[in-house]
Amino acid sequence: MDNETHPIAASDTPGEAESNSVAAANIAMASGDEPASAIPAEELTRLTDDIVAALKSVYDPEIPADIYELGLIYKIDIDDDRNVDIEMTLTAPGCPVAGEMPGWVENAVGTVEGVQAVKVELVFTPPWTPERMSEEAQVAVGWY
């Protein structure tokens, strides 16, 4: 059997992505846009919620908001073997913790029950902009 992946949608407003990711994935699968998962829907929902919670425990040390609400997470894929691939960015390519933050993310997501392995890739396209921040992050940094 092919090892299918099940993306968790990242959007410009992470709070919305968190509440709508499972529904969007289920709609995509039902419409035939996404292959059916070997992971039971209830478990996939739990994994999704727990991965997002783990990401929300990681903070940029220079900004008082978590990386998920900052919009630094671009893509999360969970394959049928429960391996997780994450594409993320930084607020700036020269970020002082650029070498450390992917490890923080890997460690946080790796603690989620059921996750087998985590791979984190730093990407810089598209570049991060403050518009990617959720309302929660904007309040935390005093921009709202």
N, C-alpha and C. Protein backbone atom coordinates (compact mmCIF):
# COMPACT_ATOMS: atom_id res chain seq x y z
N MET A 1 0.84 -1.19 0.00
CA MET A 1 0.00 0.00 0.00
C MET A 1 0.88 1.24 0.00
N ASP A 2 0.52 2.22 -0.78
CA ASP A 2 1.27 3.47 -0.82
C ASP A 2 1.16 4.17 0.51
N ASN A 3 2.20 4.93 0.83
CA ASN A 3 2.23 5.68 2.07
C ASN A 3 1.64 7.06 1.81
N GLU A 4 0.36 7.22 2.05
CA GLU A 4 -0.34 8.47 1.78
C GLU A 4 -0.04 9.49 2.87
N THR A 5 -0.08 10.78 2.50
CA THR A 5 0.08 11.82 3.50
C THR A 5 -1.23 12.57 3.65
N HIS A 6 -1.41 13.15 4.81
CA HIS A 6 -2.64 13.83 5.14
C HIS A 6 -2.29 15.22 5.65
N PRO A 7 -2.36 16.22 4.77
CA PRO A 7 -1.92 17.55 5.15
C PRO A 7 -2.86 18.22 6.14
N ILE A 8 -2.25 18.98 7.03
CA ILE A 8 -3.00 19.87 7.90
C ILE A 8 -2.82 21.23 7.26
N ALA A 9 -3.91 21.87 6.90
CA ALA A 9 -3.82 23.15 6.20
C ALA A 9 -3.29 24.23 7.11
N ALA A 10 -2.35 25.01 6.60
CA ALA A 10 -1.89 26.20 7.30
C ALA A 10 -2.46 27.38 6.53
N SER A 11 -2.95 28.37 7.24
CA SER A 11 -3.54 29.51 6.57
C SER A 11 -2.94 30.78 7.13
N ASP A 12 -3.40 31.90 6.62
CA ASP A 12 -2.92 33.17 7.12
C ASP A 12 -3.39 33.45 8.53
N THR A 13 -4.41 32.74 8.97
CA THR A 13 -4.90 32.92 10.32
C THR A 13 -4.88 31.57 11.02
N PRO A 14 -3.81 31.26 11.76
CA PRO A 14 -3.67 29.95 12.37
C PRO A 14 -4.84 29.53 13.24
N GLY A 15 -5.48 30.43 13.95
CA GLY A 15 -6.63 30.06 14.76
C GLY A 15 -7.71 29.42 13.92
N GLU A 16 -7.94 29.99 12.73
CA GLU A 16 -8.92 29.41 11.82
C GLU A 16 -8.45 28.06 11.32
N ALA A 17 -7.16 27.96 10.99
CA ALA A 17 -6.63 26.69 10.48
C ALA A 17 -6.82 25.61 11.51
N GLU A 18 -6.58 25.94 12.77
CA GLU A 18 -6.71 24.95 13.84
C GLU A 18 -8.14 24.44 13.91
N SER A 19 -9.11 25.31 13.86
CA SER A 19 -10.49 24.88 14.02
C SER A 19 -11.07 24.28 12.74
N ASN A 20 -10.51 24.60 11.59
CA ASN A 20 -11.08 24.13 10.34
C ASN A 20 -10.26 23.05 9.65
N SER A 21 -9.05 22.74 10.15
CA SER A 21 -8.17 21.82 9.42
C SER A 21 -8.78 20.44 9.26
N VAL A 22 -9.36 19.91 10.31
CA VAL A 22 -9.93 18.58 10.23
C VAL A 22 -11.13 18.56 9.31
N ALA A 23 -11.99 19.55 9.43
CA ALA A 23 -13.17 19.62 8.56
C ALA A 23 -12.74 19.73 7.10
N ALA A 24 -11.75 20.57 6.82
CA ALA A 24 -11.29 20.75 5.45
C ALA A 24 -10.70 19.45 4.90
N ALA A 25 -9.92 18.75 5.72
CA ALA A 25 -9.34 17.48 5.28
C ALA A 25 -10.43 16.45 5.01
N ASN A 26 -11.44 16.41 5.87
CA ASN A 26 -12.53 15.46 5.67
C ASN A 26 -13.33 15.78 4.41
N ILE A 27 -13.58 17.05 4.15
CA ILE A 27 -14.29 17.45 2.94
C ILE A 27 -13.49 17.09 1.70
N ALA A 28 -12.17 17.34 1.76
CA ALA A 28 -11.32 17.01 0.61
C ALA A 28 -11.34 15.52 0.34
N MET A 29 -11.25 14.71 1.41
CA MET A 29 -11.27 13.26 1.23
C MET A 29 -12.62 12.81 0.68
N ALA A 30 -13.70 13.37 1.20
CA ALA A 30 -15.05 12.97 0.76
C ALA A 30 -15.28 13.33 -0.69
N SER A 31 -14.68 14.43 -1.15
CA SER A 31 -14.90 14.86 -2.53
C SER A 31 -13.96 14.16 -3.50
N GLY A 32 -13.07 13.33 -2.97
CA GLY A 32 -12.16 12.60 -3.85
C GLY A 32 -10.88 13.34 -4.14
N ASP A 33 -10.69 14.52 -3.54
CA ASP A 33 -9.47 15.28 -3.77
C ASP A 33 -8.29 14.70 -3.00
N GLU A 34 -8.56 13.92 -2.00
CA GLU A 34 -7.54 13.40 -1.11
C GLU A 34 -7.79 11.90 -0.95
N PRO A 35 -6.74 11.06 -1.05
CA PRO A 35 -6.97 9.64 -0.85
C PRO A 35 -7.39 9.36 0.59
N ALA A 36 -8.17 8.30 0.78
CA ALA A 36 -8.61 7.93 2.12
C ALA A 36 -7.40 7.55 2.96
N SER A 37 -7.46 7.88 4.24
CA SER A 37 -6.37 7.61 5.15
C SER A 37 -6.48 6.22 5.74
N ALA A 38 -5.33 5.61 5.97
CA ALA A 38 -5.32 4.35 6.69
C ALA A 38 -5.45 4.62 8.19
N ILE A 39 -5.27 5.86 8.59
CA ILE A 39 -5.42 6.26 9.98
C ILE A 39 -6.90 6.53 10.23
N PRO A 40 -7.49 5.91 11.23
CA PRO A 40 -8.90 6.18 11.51
C PRO A 40 -9.14 7.68 11.74
N ALA A 41 -10.29 8.17 11.27
CA ALA A 41 -10.59 9.60 11.33
C ALA A 41 -10.46 10.17 12.74
N GLU A 42 -10.93 9.43 13.72
CA GLU A 42 -10.86 9.91 15.11
C GLU A 42 -9.40 10.08 15.56
N GLU A 43 -8.55 9.12 15.18
CA GLU A 43 -7.14 9.22 15.54
C GLU A 43 -6.46 10.36 14.78
N LEU A 44 -6.80 10.52 13.50
CA LEU A 44 -6.22 11.60 12.71
C LEU A 44 -6.60 12.96 13.30
N THR A 45 -7.83 13.08 13.77
CA THR A 45 -8.28 14.32 14.42
C THR A 45 -7.48 14.56 15.69
N ARG A 46 -7.29 13.51 16.50
CA ARG A 46 -6.52 13.66 17.73
C ARG A 46 -5.07 14.02 17.42
N LEU A 47 -4.46 13.33 16.46
CA LEU A 47 -3.09 13.65 16.07
C LEU A 47 -2.97 15.10 15.63
N THR A 48 -3.89 15.52 14.79
CA THR A 48 -3.89 16.90 14.29
C THR A 48 -3.95 17.89 15.45
N ASP A 49 -4.90 17.70 16.34
CA ASP A 49 -5.06 18.61 17.48
C ASP A 49 -3.82 18.60 18.36
N ASP A 50 -3.27 17.42 18.62
CA ASP A 50 -2.09 17.32 19.49
C ASP A 50 -0.84 17.91 18.85
N ILE A 51 -0.70 17.76 17.54
CA ILE A 51 0.44 18.35 16.83
C ILE A 51 0.35 19.87 16.89
N VAL A 52 -0.83 20.41 16.64
CA VAL A 52 -1.00 21.87 16.72
C VAL A 52 -0.70 22.35 18.13
N ALA A 53 -1.18 21.63 19.15
CA ALA A 53 -0.90 22.02 20.54
C ALA A 53 0.60 21.98 20.81
N ALA A 54 1.29 20.98 20.30
CA ALA A 54 2.75 20.90 20.48
C ALA A 54 3.44 22.08 19.81
N LEU A 55 3.00 22.43 18.60
CA LEU A 55 3.59 23.57 17.91
C LEU A 55 3.36 24.87 18.68
N LYS A 56 2.21 24.96 19.33
CA LYS A 56 1.89 26.17 20.09
C LYS A 56 2.69 26.26 21.39
N SER A 57 3.46 25.22 21.71
CA SER A 57 4.33 25.27 22.89
C SER A 57 5.72 25.80 22.56
N VAL A 58 5.98 26.04 21.27
CA VAL A 58 7.29 26.52 20.83
C VAL A 58 7.19 28.02 20.56
N TYR A 59 8.06 28.78 21.19
CA TYR A 59 8.04 30.24 21.06
C TYR A 59 9.31 30.75 20.44
N ASP A 60 9.17 31.79 19.63
CA ASP A 60 10.32 32.54 19.16
C ASP A 60 10.80 33.33 20.38
N PRO A 61 12.06 33.19 20.80
CA PRO A 61 12.50 33.84 22.02
C PRO A 61 12.49 35.38 21.97
N GLU A 62 12.41 35.93 20.77
CA GLU A 62 12.41 37.38 20.64
C GLU A 62 11.01 37.98 20.50
N ILE A 63 9.99 37.10 20.35
CA ILE A 63 8.62 37.56 20.13
C ILE A 63 7.71 36.80 21.10
N PRO A 64 6.86 37.50 21.85
CA PRO A 64 6.03 36.82 22.85
C PRO A 64 4.79 36.12 22.26
N ALA A 65 5.01 35.31 21.23
CA ALA A 65 3.92 34.55 20.61
C ALA A 65 4.49 33.23 20.12
N ASP A 66 3.64 32.20 20.09
CA ASP A 66 4.12 30.89 19.64
C ASP A 66 4.27 30.87 18.12
N ILE A 67 5.04 29.91 17.65
CA ILE A 67 5.36 29.86 16.21
C ILE A 67 4.15 29.54 15.35
N TYR A 68 3.18 28.84 15.90
CA TYR A 68 1.97 28.53 15.13
C TYR A 68 1.15 29.79 14.90
N GLU A 69 0.92 30.54 15.96
CA GLU A 69 0.14 31.78 15.84
C GLU A 69 0.89 32.85 15.05
N LEU A 70 2.22 32.78 15.08
CA LEU A 70 3.01 33.72 14.27
C LEU A 70 2.89 33.43 12.78
N GLY A 71 2.40 32.25 12.43
CA GLY A 71 2.28 31.88 11.03
C GLY A 71 3.56 31.33 10.45
N LEU A 72 4.43 30.79 11.29
CA LEU A 72 5.70 30.25 10.81
C LEU A 72 5.59 28.83 10.28
N ILE A 73 4.47 28.16 10.55
CA ILE A 73 4.25 26.80 10.07
C ILE A 73 3.52 26.87 8.74
N TYR A 74 4.16 26.40 7.69
CA TYR A 74 3.58 26.46 6.35
C TYR A 74 2.84 25.17 5.97
N LYS A 75 3.36 24.02 6.41
CA LYS A 75 2.72 22.76 5.99
C LYS A 75 3.04 21.67 7.01
N ILE A 76 2.04 20.84 7.26
CA ILE A 76 2.20 19.67 8.12
C ILE A 76 1.58 18.49 7.38
N ASP A 77 2.35 17.44 7.17
CA ASP A 77 1.85 16.22 6.53
C ASP A 77 2.03 15.05 7.50
N ILE A 78 0.98 14.27 7.64
CA ILE A 78 1.03 13.06 8.45
C ILE A 78 0.82 11.89 7.49
N ASP A 79 1.80 10.98 7.41
CA ASP A 79 1.60 9.85 6.51
C ASP A 79 0.93 8.69 7.25
N ASP A 80 0.60 7.65 6.53
CA ASP A 80 -0.13 6.52 7.12
C ASP A 80 0.65 5.81 8.22
N ASP A 81 1.97 5.97 8.22
CA ASP A 81 2.81 5.37 9.26
C ASP A 81 2.99 6.32 10.45
N ARG A 82 2.28 7.45 10.40
CA ARG A 82 2.29 8.46 11.47
C ARG A 82 3.63 9.19 11.57
N ASN A 83 4.32 9.29 10.43
CA ASN A 83 5.50 10.13 10.33
C ASN A 83 5.01 11.53 9.97
N VAL A 84 5.61 12.54 10.55
CA VAL A 84 5.15 13.91 10.35
C VAL A 84 6.25 14.72 9.67
N ASP A 85 5.90 15.34 8.54
CA ASP A 85 6.79 16.27 7.83
C ASP A 85 6.24 17.67 8.00
N ILE A 86 7.11 18.58 8.41
CA ILE A 86 6.71 19.97 8.67
C ILE A 86 7.58 20.89 7.84
N GLU A 87 6.94 21.83 7.14
CA GLU A 87 7.65 22.92 6.49
C GLU A 87 7.37 24.17 7.30
N MET A 88 8.42 24.85 7.68
CA MET A 88 8.26 26.07 8.47
C MET A 88 9.25 27.11 7.97
N THR A 89 9.03 28.33 8.42
CA THR A 89 9.92 29.42 8.07
C THR A 89 10.31 30.15 9.34
N LEU A 90 11.04 31.21 9.17
CA LEU A 90 11.45 32.07 10.28
C LEU A 90 10.99 33.49 9.97
N THR A 91 10.95 34.32 10.99
CA THR A 91 10.55 35.71 10.74
C THR A 91 11.56 36.42 9.86
N ALA A 92 12.82 35.96 9.90
CA ALA A 92 13.87 36.51 9.04
C ALA A 92 14.92 35.41 8.82
N PRO A 93 15.50 35.31 7.61
CA PRO A 93 16.50 34.27 7.36
C PRO A 93 17.69 34.33 8.33
N GLY A 94 18.01 35.51 8.82
CA GLY A 94 19.14 35.66 9.73
C GLY A 94 18.75 35.53 11.20
N CYS A 95 17.60 34.94 11.47
CA CYS A 95 17.12 34.77 12.84
C CYS A 95 18.20 34.09 13.68
N PRO A 96 18.48 34.63 14.88
CA PRO A 96 19.54 34.06 15.71
C PRO A 96 19.33 32.60 16.13
N VAL A 97 18.08 32.12 16.13
CA VAL A 97 17.83 30.73 16.52
C VAL A 97 17.53 29.84 15.32
N ALA A 98 17.93 30.27 14.14
CA ALA A 98 17.65 29.50 12.91
C ALA A 98 18.17 28.07 13.00
N GLY A 99 19.32 27.88 13.60
CA GLY A 99 19.88 26.55 13.71
C GLY A 99 19.23 25.69 14.78
N GLU A 100 18.55 26.33 15.73
CA GLU A 100 17.97 25.61 16.86
C GLU A 100 16.47 25.35 16.73
N MET A 101 15.73 26.30 16.15
CA MET A 101 14.27 26.21 16.16
C MET A 101 13.73 24.94 15.49
N PRO A 102 14.27 24.48 14.35
CA PRO A 102 13.75 23.23 13.79
C PRO A 102 13.87 22.07 14.79
N GLY A 103 14.92 22.03 15.57
CA GLY A 103 15.08 20.99 16.59
C GLY A 103 14.04 21.12 17.68
N TRP A 104 13.73 22.36 18.07
CA TRP A 104 12.68 22.58 19.08
C TRP A 104 11.35 22.05 18.57
N VAL A 105 11.05 22.33 17.30
CA VAL A 105 9.80 21.86 16.70
C VAL A 105 9.78 20.34 16.63
N GLU A 106 10.88 19.76 16.17
CA GLU A 106 10.96 18.30 16.09
C GLU A 106 10.75 17.66 17.46
N ASN A 107 11.40 18.20 18.48
CA ASN A 107 11.26 17.66 19.83
C ASN A 107 9.83 17.79 20.35
N ALA A 108 9.20 18.95 20.13
CA ALA A 108 7.84 19.17 20.62
C ALA A 108 6.85 18.22 19.95
N VAL A 109 6.90 18.13 18.62
CA VAL A 109 5.97 17.27 17.89
C VAL A 109 6.28 15.80 18.16
N GLY A 110 7.54 15.47 18.39
CA GLY A 110 7.94 14.11 18.68
C GLY A 110 7.36 13.56 19.97
N THR A 111 6.92 14.44 20.86
CA THR A 111 6.31 13.99 22.12
C THR A 111 4.84 13.62 21.97
N VAL A 112 4.25 13.92 20.83
CA VAL A 112 2.82 13.62 20.61
C VAL A 112 2.63 12.11 20.53
N GLU A 113 1.71 11.59 21.32
CA GLU A 113 1.43 10.17 21.32
C GLU A 113 1.01 9.69 19.93
N GLY A 114 1.68 8.67 19.45
CA GLY A 114 1.36 8.09 18.15
C GLY A 114 2.26 8.56 17.02
N VAL A 115 2.94 9.68 17.19
CA VAL A 115 3.85 10.17 16.15
C VAL A 115 5.10 9.30 16.16
N GLN A 116 5.46 8.77 14.99
CA GLN A 116 6.61 7.88 14.89
C GLN A 116 7.91 8.63 14.65
N ALA A 117 7.90 9.58 13.73
CA ALA A 117 9.10 10.33 13.39
C ALA A 117 8.68 11.71 12.91
N VAL A 118 9.58 12.67 13.09
CA VAL A 118 9.29 14.05 12.69
C VAL A 118 10.47 14.56 11.86
N LYS A 119 10.14 15.19 10.73
CA LYS A 119 11.15 15.83 9.90
C LYS A 119 10.71 17.28 9.71
N VAL A 120 11.61 18.21 10.01
CA VAL A 120 11.31 19.63 9.89
C VAL A 120 12.23 20.23 8.83
N GLU A 121 11.62 20.94 7.89
CA GLU A 121 12.38 21.60 6.83
C GLU A 121 12.13 23.10 6.91
N LEU A 122 13.22 23.87 6.92
CA LEU A 122 13.10 25.33 6.86
C LEU A 122 12.96 25.74 5.41
N VAL A 123 11.95 26.57 5.13
CA VAL A 123 11.74 27.10 3.79
C VAL A 123 11.61 28.62 3.90
N PHE A 124 11.94 29.30 2.83
CA PHE A 124 11.86 30.76 2.85
C PHE A 124 11.02 31.31 1.70
N THR A 125 10.29 30.40 1.03
CA THR A 125 9.38 30.80 -0.02
C THR A 125 8.01 30.24 0.30
N PRO A 126 7.01 31.04 0.43
CA PRO A 126 7.07 32.50 0.39
C PRO A 126 7.71 33.05 1.66
N PRO A 127 8.27 34.24 1.56
CA PRO A 127 8.85 34.83 2.77
C PRO A 127 7.76 35.15 3.79
N TRP A 128 8.12 35.04 5.06
CA TRP A 128 7.18 35.36 6.12
C TRP A 128 6.94 36.87 6.14
N THR A 129 5.69 37.25 6.39
CA THR A 129 5.34 38.65 6.58
C THR A 129 4.41 38.72 7.79
N PRO A 130 4.31 39.87 8.45
CA PRO A 130 3.44 39.99 9.62
C PRO A 130 1.97 39.69 9.34
N GLU A 131 1.55 39.76 8.09
CA GLU A 131 0.16 39.44 7.76
C GLU A 131 -0.19 37.99 8.04
N ARG A 132 0.81 37.13 8.18
CA ARG A 132 0.58 35.71 8.47
C ARG A 132 0.21 35.48 9.93
N MET A 133 0.41 36.48 10.77
CA MET A 133 0.13 36.34 12.20
C MET A 133 -1.36 36.30 12.47
N SER A 134 -1.75 35.46 13.42
CA SER A 134 -3.15 35.42 13.84
C SER A 134 -3.45 36.65 14.68
N GLU A 135 -4.73 36.88 14.93
CA GLU A 135 -5.13 37.98 15.79
C GLU A 135 -4.54 37.81 17.18
N GLU A 136 -4.49 36.58 17.66
CA GLU A 136 -3.90 36.28 18.97
C GLU A 136 -2.45 36.73 19.04
N ALA A 137 -1.67 36.43 17.99
CA ALA A 137 -0.27 36.84 17.95
C ALA A 137 -0.14 38.36 17.85
N GLN A 138 -1.02 38.98 17.07
CA GLN A 138 -0.98 40.44 16.96
C GLN A 138 -1.23 41.10 18.31
N VAL A 139 -2.16 40.55 19.09
CA VAL A 139 -2.43 41.08 20.43
C VAL A 139 -1.22 40.89 21.31
N ALA A 140 -0.59 39.70 21.23
CA ALA A 140 0.58 39.39 22.07
C ALA A 140 1.74 40.34 21.83
N VAL A 141 1.90 40.78 20.58
CA VAL A 141 3.01 41.70 20.28
C VAL A 141 2.57 43.16 20.32
N GLY A 142 1.32 43.40 20.67
CA GLY A 142 0.84 44.77 20.80
C GLY A 142 0.51 45.46 19.50
N TRP A 143 0.18 44.69 18.46
CA TRP A 143 -0.14 45.28 17.17
C TRP A 143 -1.63 45.39 16.92
N TYR A 144 -2.45 44.98 17.88
CA TYR A 144 -3.88 44.93 17.63
C TYR A 144 -4.62 45.64 18.72
